Amino acid sequence: MRQANGYDTFGYWPFLSADEVDAVMRAHEDVEVWKQTFLKNGFTAPTYWYKIMTNGMEAQDEKQIPPERTFPPKESPIFFGACRLDYICVPENGYAVFKSEGFKDHDVTTYEFDADHWLFFSQAQEVCQELEKWIQLKKAGFK
């Protein structure tokens, strides 16, 4: 990713997968909404995803998926919401995935939001509206 984007988009993953992340985050978190939620419940569970992604468990798990199940069924429409201001999950990377051979026969709809990595925090209403339009459009095509 560094070569494609000019920076390490996932550079924070080792920190979030470290055993001491809960204590560090509790000591330094200062955004009020996050503070209320995570100081009450901790950071251990929300950061397990990063631990799995950085310790090789995800790759082991992926090996168990039969090749014919690697991609969703071709009959299942896909909505990809890209975030123009997301410097972690860069939209171009998502577009490349959906242009790949595995998705060539899929019905992929893309929509770009003027949002950063935390799409649902900043644009929840727009996301719901666009998904509702897309669902209605897809339902109309199935009649």
N, C-alpha and C. Protein backbone atom coordinates (compact mmCIF):
# COMPACT_ATOMS: atom_id res chain seq x y z
N MET A 1 0.81 -1.20 0.00
CA MET A 1 0.00 0.00 0.00
C MET A 1 0.86 1.27 0.00
N ARG A 2 2.01 1.19 0.66
CA ARG A 2 2.89 2.36 0.73
C ARG A 2 3.27 2.82 -0.68
N GLN A 3 3.62 1.87 -1.54
CA GLN A 3 4.04 2.22 -2.88
C GLN A 3 2.89 2.83 -3.68
N ALA A 4 1.69 2.29 -3.55
CA ALA A 4 0.54 2.78 -4.31
C ALA A 4 0.06 4.13 -3.82
N ASN A 5 0.07 4.36 -2.50
CA ASN A 5 -0.52 5.57 -1.94
C ASN A 5 0.50 6.62 -1.48
N GLY A 6 1.76 6.21 -1.38
CA GLY A 6 2.78 7.15 -0.93
C GLY A 6 2.91 7.22 0.59
N TYR A 7 2.15 6.42 1.30
CA TYR A 7 2.21 6.35 2.76
C TYR A 7 1.66 5.00 3.20
N ASP A 8 1.93 4.63 4.43
CA ASP A 8 1.51 3.33 4.95
C ASP A 8 0.09 3.46 5.50
N THR A 9 -0.90 3.08 4.69
CA THR A 9 -2.30 3.25 5.08
C THR A 9 -2.68 2.44 6.31
N PHE A 10 -1.99 1.35 6.56
CA PHE A 10 -2.32 0.49 7.70
C PHE A 10 -1.26 0.54 8.79
N GLY A 11 -0.51 1.61 8.84
CA GLY A 11 0.57 1.73 9.81
C GLY A 11 0.12 1.69 11.26
N TYR A 12 -1.12 1.98 11.52
CA TYR A 12 -1.64 1.98 12.89
C TYR A 12 -2.05 0.58 13.36
N TRP A 13 -2.13 -0.39 12.46
CA TRP A 13 -2.58 -1.73 12.83
C TRP A 13 -1.71 -2.39 13.90
N PRO A 14 -0.38 -2.32 13.81
CA PRO A 14 0.42 -2.95 14.88
C PRO A 14 0.09 -2.37 16.26
N PHE A 15 -0.12 -1.06 16.33
CA PHE A 15 -0.47 -0.45 17.62
C PHE A 15 -1.81 -1.00 18.12
N LEU A 16 -2.82 -1.03 17.25
CA LEU A 16 -4.14 -1.49 17.67
C LEU A 16 -4.21 -2.99 17.91
N SER A 17 -3.20 -3.74 17.49
CA SER A 17 -3.19 -5.18 17.75
C SER A 17 -2.29 -5.54 18.93
N ALA A 18 -1.63 -4.55 19.51
CA ALA A 18 -0.73 -4.81 20.66
C ALA A 18 -1.54 -5.17 21.90
N ASP A 19 -0.97 -6.00 22.74
CA ASP A 19 -1.66 -6.43 23.96
C ASP A 19 -1.99 -5.26 24.89
N GLU A 20 -1.17 -4.23 24.89
CA GLU A 20 -1.37 -3.12 25.82
C GLU A 20 -2.27 -2.01 25.27
N VAL A 21 -2.91 -2.22 24.11
CA VAL A 21 -3.71 -1.17 23.50
C VAL A 21 -4.84 -0.68 24.41
N ASP A 22 -5.47 -1.56 25.16
CA ASP A 22 -6.58 -1.13 26.02
C ASP A 22 -6.11 -0.10 27.04
N ALA A 23 -5.02 -0.38 27.72
CA ALA A 23 -4.51 0.54 28.74
C ALA A 23 -4.06 1.87 28.12
N VAL A 24 -3.39 1.81 26.99
CA VAL A 24 -2.91 3.04 26.34
C VAL A 24 -4.10 3.89 25.87
N MET A 25 -5.08 3.26 25.24
CA MET A 25 -6.24 4.00 24.74
C MET A 25 -7.05 4.60 25.88
N ARG A 26 -7.23 3.87 26.94
CA ARG A 26 -7.97 4.39 28.09
C ARG A 26 -7.27 5.61 28.68
N ALA A 27 -5.95 5.59 28.67
CA ALA A 27 -5.18 6.68 29.26
C ALA A 27 -5.13 7.93 28.37
N HIS A 28 -5.33 7.77 27.07
CA HIS A 28 -5.14 8.90 26.16
C HIS A 28 -6.37 9.31 25.37
N GLU A 29 -7.44 8.60 25.47
CA GLU A 29 -8.64 8.93 24.70
C GLU A 29 -9.30 10.18 25.27
N ASP A 30 -9.62 11.14 24.39
CA ASP A 30 -10.24 12.37 24.90
C ASP A 30 -11.45 12.85 24.11
N VAL A 31 -11.86 12.15 23.08
CA VAL A 31 -13.06 12.53 22.34
C VAL A 31 -14.25 12.04 23.16
N GLU A 32 -15.15 12.92 23.50
CA GLU A 32 -16.20 12.64 24.48
C GLU A 32 -17.07 11.43 24.17
N VAL A 33 -17.57 11.30 22.95
CA VAL A 33 -18.43 10.16 22.62
C VAL A 33 -17.67 8.85 22.76
N TRP A 34 -16.47 8.84 22.22
CA TRP A 34 -15.64 7.64 22.33
C TRP A 34 -15.30 7.37 23.79
N LYS A 35 -15.02 8.43 24.49
CA LYS A 35 -14.63 8.30 25.89
C LYS A 35 -15.75 7.62 26.68
N GLN A 36 -16.96 8.07 26.51
CA GLN A 36 -18.08 7.50 27.25
C GLN A 36 -18.25 6.01 26.94
N THR A 37 -18.14 5.67 25.68
CA THR A 37 -18.34 4.27 25.27
C THR A 37 -17.17 3.38 25.65
N PHE A 38 -15.98 3.78 25.22
CA PHE A 38 -14.83 2.91 25.40
C PHE A 38 -14.25 2.91 26.81
N LEU A 39 -14.34 4.02 27.52
CA LEU A 39 -13.85 3.99 28.89
C LEU A 39 -14.74 3.10 29.75
N LYS A 40 -16.02 3.04 29.38
CA LYS A 40 -16.94 2.17 30.10
C LYS A 40 -16.67 0.69 29.77
N ASN A 41 -16.50 0.40 28.48
CA ASN A 41 -16.41 -0.99 28.01
C ASN A 41 -15.01 -1.46 27.65
N GLY A 42 -14.07 -0.54 27.49
CA GLY A 42 -12.71 -0.92 27.14
C GLY A 42 -12.47 -0.98 25.64
N PHE A 43 -11.22 -1.15 25.28
CA PHE A 43 -10.79 -1.20 23.88
C PHE A 43 -10.40 -2.61 23.44
N THR A 44 -10.39 -3.55 24.35
CA THR A 44 -9.92 -4.89 24.02
C THR A 44 -10.74 -5.53 22.90
N ALA A 45 -12.03 -5.64 23.07
CA ALA A 45 -12.87 -6.28 22.05
C ALA A 45 -12.84 -5.52 20.71
N PRO A 46 -12.99 -4.18 20.71
CA PRO A 46 -12.97 -3.48 19.42
C PRO A 46 -11.64 -3.58 18.66
N THR A 47 -10.57 -3.90 19.35
CA THR A 47 -9.28 -3.97 18.66
C THR A 47 -8.87 -5.40 18.30
N TYR A 48 -9.68 -6.40 18.63
CA TYR A 48 -9.34 -7.78 18.26
C TYR A 48 -9.25 -7.97 16.76
N TRP A 49 -10.04 -7.24 16.00
CA TRP A 49 -9.98 -7.36 14.54
C TRP A 49 -8.55 -7.07 14.06
N TYR A 50 -7.93 -6.04 14.61
CA TYR A 50 -6.56 -5.69 14.20
C TYR A 50 -5.57 -6.78 14.61
N LYS A 51 -5.78 -7.36 15.77
CA LYS A 51 -4.91 -8.45 16.23
C LYS A 51 -4.98 -9.63 15.26
N ILE A 52 -6.18 -9.98 14.84
CA ILE A 52 -6.37 -11.09 13.91
C ILE A 52 -5.73 -10.76 12.55
N MET A 53 -5.85 -9.53 12.11
CA MET A 53 -5.29 -9.13 10.81
C MET A 53 -3.77 -9.08 10.82
N THR A 54 -3.15 -8.84 11.97
CA THR A 54 -1.70 -8.69 12.02
C THR A 54 -0.96 -9.93 12.52
N ASN A 55 -1.67 -10.91 13.06
CA ASN A 55 -0.96 -12.08 13.60
C ASN A 55 -1.07 -13.33 12.72
N GLY A 56 -1.67 -13.19 11.55
CA GLY A 56 -1.76 -14.32 10.63
C GLY A 56 -3.01 -15.16 10.76
N MET A 57 -3.82 -14.92 11.77
CA MET A 57 -5.03 -15.73 11.95
C MET A 57 -6.02 -15.55 10.81
N GLU A 58 -6.10 -14.36 10.26
CA GLU A 58 -7.04 -14.09 9.18
C GLU A 58 -6.67 -14.91 7.96
N ALA A 59 -5.38 -14.98 7.65
CA ALA A 59 -4.92 -15.76 6.50
C ALA A 59 -5.23 -17.24 6.70
N GLN A 60 -5.05 -17.75 7.91
CA GLN A 60 -5.38 -19.15 8.20
C GLN A 60 -6.87 -19.41 8.01
N ASP A 61 -7.67 -18.49 8.48
CA ASP A 61 -9.12 -18.62 8.37
C ASP A 61 -9.56 -18.60 6.91
N GLU A 62 -8.97 -17.70 6.12
CA GLU A 62 -9.31 -17.58 4.71
C GLU A 62 -9.05 -18.88 3.94
N LYS A 63 -8.03 -19.64 4.34
CA LYS A 63 -7.69 -20.89 3.65
C LYS A 63 -8.82 -21.91 3.76
N GLN A 64 -9.69 -21.77 4.74
CA GLN A 64 -10.78 -22.71 4.94
C GLN A 64 -11.96 -22.45 4.00
N ILE A 65 -11.97 -21.32 3.34
CA ILE A 65 -13.07 -20.98 2.44
C ILE A 65 -12.87 -21.70 1.11
N PRO A 66 -13.84 -22.50 0.68
CA PRO A 66 -13.71 -23.18 -0.62
C PRO A 66 -13.60 -22.15 -1.75
N PRO A 67 -12.83 -22.42 -2.78
CA PRO A 67 -12.64 -21.46 -3.88
C PRO A 67 -13.94 -20.93 -4.47
N GLU A 68 -14.94 -21.78 -4.56
CA GLU A 68 -16.22 -21.33 -5.15
C GLU A 68 -16.99 -20.37 -4.23
N ARG A 69 -16.53 -20.22 -2.98
CA ARG A 69 -17.19 -19.32 -2.03
C ARG A 69 -16.35 -18.07 -1.75
N THR A 70 -15.28 -17.88 -2.50
CA THR A 70 -14.38 -16.74 -2.28
C THR A 70 -15.09 -15.42 -2.54
N PHE A 71 -15.97 -15.40 -3.52
CA PHE A 71 -16.70 -14.19 -3.88
C PHE A 71 -18.19 -14.41 -3.62
N PRO A 72 -18.94 -13.33 -3.45
CA PRO A 72 -20.39 -13.49 -3.27
C PRO A 72 -21.02 -14.07 -4.54
N PRO A 73 -22.20 -14.66 -4.41
CA PRO A 73 -22.88 -15.17 -5.61
C PRO A 73 -23.08 -14.05 -6.64
N LYS A 74 -22.94 -14.40 -7.90
CA LYS A 74 -23.09 -13.41 -8.97
C LYS A 74 -24.48 -12.78 -8.99
N GLU A 75 -25.47 -13.50 -8.45
CA GLU A 75 -26.84 -12.99 -8.42
C GLU A 75 -27.04 -11.94 -7.33
N SER A 76 -26.10 -11.81 -6.44
CA SER A 76 -26.23 -10.86 -5.32
C SER A 76 -25.66 -9.50 -5.71
N PRO A 77 -26.50 -8.48 -5.78
CA PRO A 77 -25.98 -7.16 -6.12
C PRO A 77 -25.10 -6.63 -4.97
N ILE A 78 -24.14 -5.78 -5.34
CA ILE A 78 -23.18 -5.24 -4.37
C ILE A 78 -23.23 -3.71 -4.42
N PHE A 79 -23.28 -3.11 -3.24
CA PHE A 79 -23.21 -1.65 -3.11
C PHE A 79 -21.88 -1.32 -2.46
N PHE A 80 -21.04 -0.57 -3.17
CA PHE A 80 -19.76 -0.15 -2.63
C PHE A 80 -19.81 1.36 -2.39
N GLY A 81 -19.77 1.74 -1.13
CA GLY A 81 -19.75 3.16 -0.77
C GLY A 81 -18.32 3.59 -0.51
N ALA A 82 -17.79 4.39 -1.39
CA ALA A 82 -16.42 4.90 -1.25
C ALA A 82 -16.45 6.25 -0.53
N CYS A 83 -15.40 6.53 0.20
CA CYS A 83 -15.29 7.79 0.93
C CYS A 83 -14.14 8.60 0.36
N ARG A 84 -14.47 9.71 -0.29
CA ARG A 84 -13.45 10.53 -0.96
C ARG A 84 -12.34 11.01 -0.04
N LEU A 85 -12.65 11.20 1.23
CA LEU A 85 -11.66 11.75 2.16
C LEU A 85 -11.05 10.68 3.06
N ASP A 86 -11.21 9.43 2.70
CA ASP A 86 -10.66 8.33 3.50
C ASP A 86 -9.24 8.04 3.02
N TYR A 87 -8.27 8.28 3.87
CA TYR A 87 -6.87 8.05 3.53
C TYR A 87 -6.38 6.72 4.06
N ILE A 88 -7.28 5.91 4.60
CA ILE A 88 -6.94 4.57 5.07
C ILE A 88 -7.49 3.56 4.06
N CYS A 89 -8.79 3.54 3.90
CA CYS A 89 -9.42 2.68 2.88
C CYS A 89 -9.65 3.54 1.65
N VAL A 90 -8.60 3.75 0.92
CA VAL A 90 -8.58 4.65 -0.24
C VAL A 90 -9.57 4.13 -1.30
N PRO A 91 -10.47 4.99 -1.78
CA PRO A 91 -11.48 4.53 -2.75
C PRO A 91 -10.90 3.79 -3.95
N GLU A 92 -9.77 4.24 -4.45
CA GLU A 92 -9.18 3.60 -5.63
C GLU A 92 -8.87 2.12 -5.38
N ASN A 93 -8.51 1.78 -4.15
CA ASN A 93 -8.25 0.37 -3.83
C ASN A 93 -9.53 -0.45 -3.93
N GLY A 94 -10.63 0.10 -3.44
CA GLY A 94 -11.91 -0.59 -3.56
C GLY A 94 -12.35 -0.74 -5.00
N TYR A 95 -12.17 0.32 -5.78
CA TYR A 95 -12.54 0.24 -7.20
C TYR A 95 -11.73 -0.85 -7.90
N ALA A 96 -10.45 -0.94 -7.56
CA ALA A 96 -9.60 -1.97 -8.17
C ALA A 96 -10.10 -3.37 -7.82
N VAL A 97 -10.52 -3.57 -6.58
CA VAL A 97 -11.05 -4.88 -6.18
C VAL A 97 -12.26 -5.25 -7.02
N PHE A 98 -13.18 -4.31 -7.17
CA PHE A 98 -14.41 -4.62 -7.89
C PHE A 98 -14.23 -4.67 -9.41
N LYS A 99 -13.08 -4.25 -9.90
CA LYS A 99 -12.75 -4.40 -11.33
C LYS A 99 -11.97 -5.69 -11.57
N SER A 100 -11.62 -6.39 -10.51
CA SER A 100 -10.82 -7.60 -10.64
C SER A 100 -11.63 -8.74 -11.26
N GLU A 101 -10.92 -9.75 -11.69
CA GLU A 101 -11.52 -10.90 -12.36
C GLU A 101 -12.65 -11.55 -11.55
N GLY A 102 -12.49 -11.63 -10.24
CA GLY A 102 -13.49 -12.28 -9.40
C GLY A 102 -14.84 -11.58 -9.37
N PHE A 103 -14.87 -10.31 -9.74
CA PHE A 103 -16.12 -9.55 -9.71
C PHE A 103 -16.61 -9.16 -11.11
N LYS A 104 -15.96 -9.67 -12.15
CA LYS A 104 -16.27 -9.22 -13.52
C LYS A 104 -17.72 -9.44 -13.92
N ASP A 105 -18.37 -10.45 -13.37
CA ASP A 105 -19.77 -10.74 -13.74
C ASP A 105 -20.77 -10.28 -12.68
N HIS A 106 -20.31 -9.51 -11.70
CA HIS A 106 -21.19 -9.06 -10.62
C HIS A 106 -21.83 -7.71 -10.96
N ASP A 107 -22.97 -7.49 -10.37
CA ASP A 107 -23.68 -6.21 -10.47
C ASP A 107 -23.21 -5.33 -9.31
N VAL A 108 -22.20 -4.50 -9.58
CA VAL A 108 -21.61 -3.65 -8.55
C VAL A 108 -22.02 -2.20 -8.78
N THR A 109 -22.63 -1.62 -7.77
CA THR A 109 -22.98 -0.21 -7.79
C THR A 109 -22.00 0.53 -6.88
N THR A 110 -21.44 1.62 -7.37
CA THR A 110 -20.54 2.42 -6.54
C THR A 110 -21.15 3.79 -6.30
N TYR A 111 -20.89 4.31 -5.13
CA TYR A 111 -21.35 5.64 -4.77
C TYR A 111 -20.26 6.28 -3.92
N GLU A 112 -19.93 7.53 -4.23
CA GLU A 112 -18.91 8.23 -3.47
C GLU A 112 -19.54 9.22 -2.50
N PHE A 113 -19.10 9.12 -1.26
CA PHE A 113 -19.54 10.03 -0.21
C PHE A 113 -18.43 11.02 0.08
N ASP A 114 -18.79 12.25 0.39
CA ASP A 114 -17.81 13.25 0.84
C ASP A 114 -17.59 13.02 2.32
N ALA A 115 -16.82 11.99 2.63
CA ALA A 115 -16.64 11.59 4.02
C ALA A 115 -15.25 10.99 4.21
N ASP A 116 -14.89 10.84 5.48
CA ASP A 116 -13.60 10.23 5.81
C ASP A 116 -13.82 8.77 6.20
N HIS A 117 -12.89 8.19 6.91
CA HIS A 117 -12.91 6.78 7.28
C HIS A 117 -14.13 6.41 8.14
N TRP A 118 -14.66 7.36 8.87
CA TRP A 118 -15.77 7.08 9.79
C TRP A 118 -17.09 7.50 9.16
N LEU A 119 -17.39 6.92 8.02
CA LEU A 119 -18.57 7.26 7.21
C LEU A 119 -19.86 7.30 8.01
N PHE A 120 -20.13 6.29 8.80
CA PHE A 120 -21.42 6.21 9.49
C PHE A 120 -21.55 7.23 10.62
N PHE A 121 -20.43 7.71 11.13
CA PHE A 121 -20.51 8.76 12.16
C PHE A 121 -20.83 10.11 11.53
N SER A 122 -20.29 10.36 10.34
CA SER A 122 -20.45 11.69 9.75
C SER A 122 -21.57 11.79 8.73
N GLN A 123 -21.93 10.70 8.08
CA GLN A 123 -22.89 10.76 6.98
C GLN A 123 -23.98 9.70 7.08
N ALA A 124 -24.39 9.34 8.28
CA ALA A 124 -25.36 8.25 8.46
C ALA A 124 -26.64 8.46 7.65
N GLN A 125 -27.17 9.65 7.66
CA GLN A 125 -28.43 9.89 6.95
C GLN A 125 -28.25 9.72 5.44
N GLU A 126 -27.16 10.25 4.90
CA GLU A 126 -26.92 10.10 3.46
C GLU A 126 -26.69 8.63 3.09
N VAL A 127 -25.97 7.89 3.92
CA VAL A 127 -25.75 6.47 3.67
C VAL A 127 -27.08 5.74 3.62
N CYS A 128 -27.94 5.99 4.59
CA CYS A 128 -29.26 5.34 4.63
C CYS A 128 -30.09 5.71 3.41
N GLN A 129 -30.06 6.96 3.01
CA GLN A 129 -30.83 7.41 1.85
C GLN A 129 -30.34 6.72 0.57
N GLU A 130 -29.03 6.68 0.39
CA GLU A 130 -28.48 6.07 -0.83
C GLU A 130 -28.71 4.56 -0.85
N LEU A 131 -28.57 3.92 0.30
CA LEU A 131 -28.85 2.49 0.35
C LEU A 131 -30.33 2.21 0.07
N GLU A 132 -31.21 3.03 0.63
CA GLU A 132 -32.65 2.85 0.38
C GLU A 132 -32.96 3.01 -1.10
N LYS A 133 -32.39 4.02 -1.76
CA LYS A 133 -32.60 4.20 -3.21
C LYS A 133 -32.11 2.98 -3.97
N TRP A 134 -30.92 2.50 -3.60
CA TRP A 134 -30.32 1.35 -4.28
C TRP A 134 -31.17 0.10 -4.08
N ILE A 135 -31.63 -0.12 -2.87
CA ILE A 135 -32.46 -1.30 -2.58
C ILE A 135 -33.75 -1.25 -3.38
N GLN A 136 -34.38 -0.09 -3.42
CA GLN A 136 -35.62 0.05 -4.18
C GLN A 136 -35.38 -0.20 -5.68
N LEU A 137 -34.28 0.31 -6.18
CA LEU A 137 -33.92 0.10 -7.58
C LEU A 137 -33.70 -1.39 -7.86
N LYS A 138 -33.01 -2.06 -6.99
CA LYS A 138 -32.73 -3.48 -7.17
C LYS A 138 -34.01 -4.31 -7.03
N LYS A 139 -34.87 -3.94 -6.08
CA LYS A 139 -36.14 -4.64 -5.92
C LYS A 139 -36.99 -4.51 -7.18
N ALA A 140 -37.00 -3.33 -7.77
CA ALA A 140 -37.78 -3.11 -8.98
C ALA A 140 -37.28 -3.99 -10.12
N GLY A 141 -35.99 -4.23 -10.16
CA GLY A 141 -35.42 -5.08 -11.21
C GLY A 141 -35.68 -6.56 -11.02
N PHE A 142 -36.09 -6.97 -9.82
CA PHE A 142 -36.32 -8.38 -9.53
C PHE A 142 -37.79 -8.78 -9.76
N LYS A 143 -38.64 -7.83 -10.07
CA LYS A 143 -40.07 -8.15 -10.24
C LYS A 143 -40.33 -8.83 -11.54
